[in-house]
């Protein structure tokens, strides 16, 4: 298991100019457990693209009624 923090992953996403919805409290260290090995940038982009496609549905499900959930 990696010792990444939420801030480490957020900084990497910011460096790659990848922005996720601020309305969803992502556990970035779980969603992106590898950010520094030779293939990490590619995997980050693949996962990011999938999450971005799901964000409208996630926001509808997770934020309905004002409740906040962690994904």
C-alpha atoms as a PDB file:
ATOM      1  CA  UNK A   1       0.000   0.000   0.000  1.00  0.00           C
ATOM      2  CA  UNK A   2       1.236   3.452  -0.851  1.00  0.00           C
ATOM      3  CA  UNK A   3       1.808   6.299   1.588  1.00  0.00           C
ATOM      4  CA  UNK A   4       0.286   8.890  -0.729  1.00  0.00           C
ATOM      5  CA  UNK A   5      -1.814  11.635   0.735  1.00  0.00           C
ATOM      6  CA  UNK A   6      -4.808  13.343  -0.799  1.00  0.00           C
ATOM      7  CA  UNK A   7      -2.643  16.448  -1.261  1.00  0.00           C
ATOM      8  CA  UNK A   8       0.065  14.480  -3.138  1.00  0.00           C
ATOM      9  CA  UNK A   9      -2.437  13.158  -5.655  1.00  0.00           C
ATOM     10  CA  UNK A  10      -4.234  16.507  -5.951  1.00  0.00           C
ATOM     11  CA  UNK A  11      -0.896  18.179  -6.730  1.00  0.00           C
ATOM     12  CA  UNK A  12      -0.139  15.585  -9.428  1.00  0.00           C
ATOM     13  CA  UNK A  13      -3.579  16.049 -11.013  1.00  0.00           C
ATOM     14  CA  UNK A  14      -3.086  19.806 -10.914  1.00  0.00           C
ATOM     15  CA  UNK A  15       0.343  19.430 -12.554  1.00  0.00           C
ATOM     16  CA  UNK A  16      -1.261  17.362 -15.330  1.00  0.00           C
ATOM     17  CA  UNK A  17      -4.072  19.969 -15.625  1.00  0.00           C
ATOM     18  CA  UNK A  18      -6.732  17.378 -14.753  1.00  0.00           C
ATOM     19  CA  UNK A  19      -9.641  18.726 -12.705  1.00  0.00           C
ATOM     20  CA  UNK A  20     -12.342  16.698 -10.995  1.00  0.00           C
ATOM     21  CA  UNK A  21     -15.635  18.049  -9.714  1.00  0.00           C
ATOM     22  CA  UNK A  22     -15.226  19.898  -6.406  1.00  0.00           C
ATOM     23  CA  UNK A  23     -18.778  18.799  -5.520  1.00  0.00           C
ATOM     24  CA  UNK A  24     -17.625  15.207  -4.992  1.00  0.00           C
ATOM     25  CA  UNK A  25     -15.234  14.370  -2.142  1.00  0.00           C
ATOM     26  CA  UNK A  26     -12.993  11.875  -3.899  1.00  0.00           C
ATOM     27  CA  UNK A  27     -10.537   9.715  -1.990  1.00  0.00           C
ATOM     28  CA  UNK A  28      -7.802  10.537  -4.479  1.00  0.00           C
ATOM     29  CA  UNK A  29      -5.151   8.419  -2.776  1.00  0.00           C
ATOM     30  CA  UNK A  30      -7.366   5.372  -3.352  1.00  0.00           C
ATOM     31  CA  UNK A  31      -8.525   6.310  -6.831  1.00  0.00           C
ATOM     32  CA  UNK A  32      -4.985   7.079  -8.014  1.00  0.00           C
ATOM     33  CA  UNK A  33      -2.676   4.896  -5.866  1.00  0.00           C
ATOM     34  CA  UNK A  34       0.325   5.277  -8.211  1.00  0.00           C
ATOM     35  CA  UNK A  35       1.475   8.698  -9.355  1.00  0.00           C
ATOM     36  CA  UNK A  36       5.225   8.376  -9.918  1.00  0.00           C
ATOM     37  CA  UNK A  37       6.223   5.163 -11.720  1.00  0.00           C
ATOM     38  CA  UNK A  38       7.000   5.041 -15.451  1.00  0.00           C
ATOM     39  CA  UNK A  39       3.419   4.275 -16.527  1.00  0.00           C
ATOM     40  CA  UNK A  40       1.605   6.360 -13.902  1.00  0.00           C
ATOM     41  CA  UNK A  41       0.826   9.365 -16.099  1.00  0.00           C
ATOM     42  CA  UNK A  42      -0.920   7.164 -18.661  1.00  0.00           C
ATOM     43  CA  UNK A  43      -2.943   5.299 -16.038  1.00  0.00           C
ATOM     44  CA  UNK A  44      -3.887   8.543 -14.328  1.00  0.00           C
ATOM     45  CA  UNK A  45      -5.231   9.897 -17.623  1.00  0.00           C
ATOM     46  CA  UNK A  46      -7.166   6.668 -18.356  1.00  0.00           C
ATOM     47  CA  UNK A  47      -8.817   6.651 -14.908  1.00  0.00           C
ATOM     48  CA  UNK A  48      -9.429  10.403 -15.050  1.00  0.00           C
ATOM     49  CA  UNK A  49     -11.216  10.080 -18.392  1.00  0.00           C
ATOM     50  CA  UNK A  50     -13.455   7.299 -17.032  1.00  0.00           C
ATOM     51  CA  UNK A  51     -14.288   9.241 -13.865  1.00  0.00           C
ATOM     52  CA  UNK A  52     -15.044  12.413 -15.848  1.00  0.00           C
ATOM     53  CA  UNK A  53     -17.516  10.476 -17.997  1.00  0.00           C
ATOM     54  CA  UNK A  54     -19.220   9.207 -14.828  1.00  0.00           C
ATOM     55  CA  UNK A  55     -19.239  12.510 -12.920  1.00  0.00           C
ATOM     56  CA  UNK A  56     -22.720  13.659 -13.998  1.00  0.00           C
ATOM     57  CA  UNK A  57     -24.191  10.363 -12.811  1.00  0.00           C
ATOM     58  CA  UNK A  58     -22.083  10.389  -9.634  1.00  0.00           C
ATOM     59  CA  UNK A  59     -23.214  13.910  -8.806  1.00  0.00           C
ATOM     60  CA  UNK A  60     -26.846  12.941  -9.330  1.00  0.00           C
ATOM     61  CA  UNK A  61     -26.549   9.849  -7.151  1.00  0.00           C
ATOM     62  CA  UNK A  62     -24.243  11.126  -4.434  1.00  0.00           C
ATOM     63  CA  UNK A  63     -25.421  14.682  -4.063  1.00  0.00           C
ATOM     64  CA  UNK A  64     -29.179  14.167  -4.258  1.00  0.00           C
ATOM     65  CA  UNK A  65     -30.883  15.768  -1.298  1.00  0.00           C
ATOM     66  CA  UNK A  66     -27.777  17.657  -0.230  1.00  0.00           C
ATOM     67  CA  UNK A  67     -26.132  14.581   1.292  1.00  0.00           C
ATOM     68  CA  UNK A  68     -22.393  14.285   0.808  1.00  0.00           C
ATOM     69  CA  UNK A  69     -20.826  10.881   0.342  1.00  0.00           C
ATOM     70  CA  UNK A  70     -17.228   9.842  -0.261  1.00  0.00           C
ATOM     71  CA  UNK A  71     -16.363   7.803  -3.312  1.00  0.00           C
END
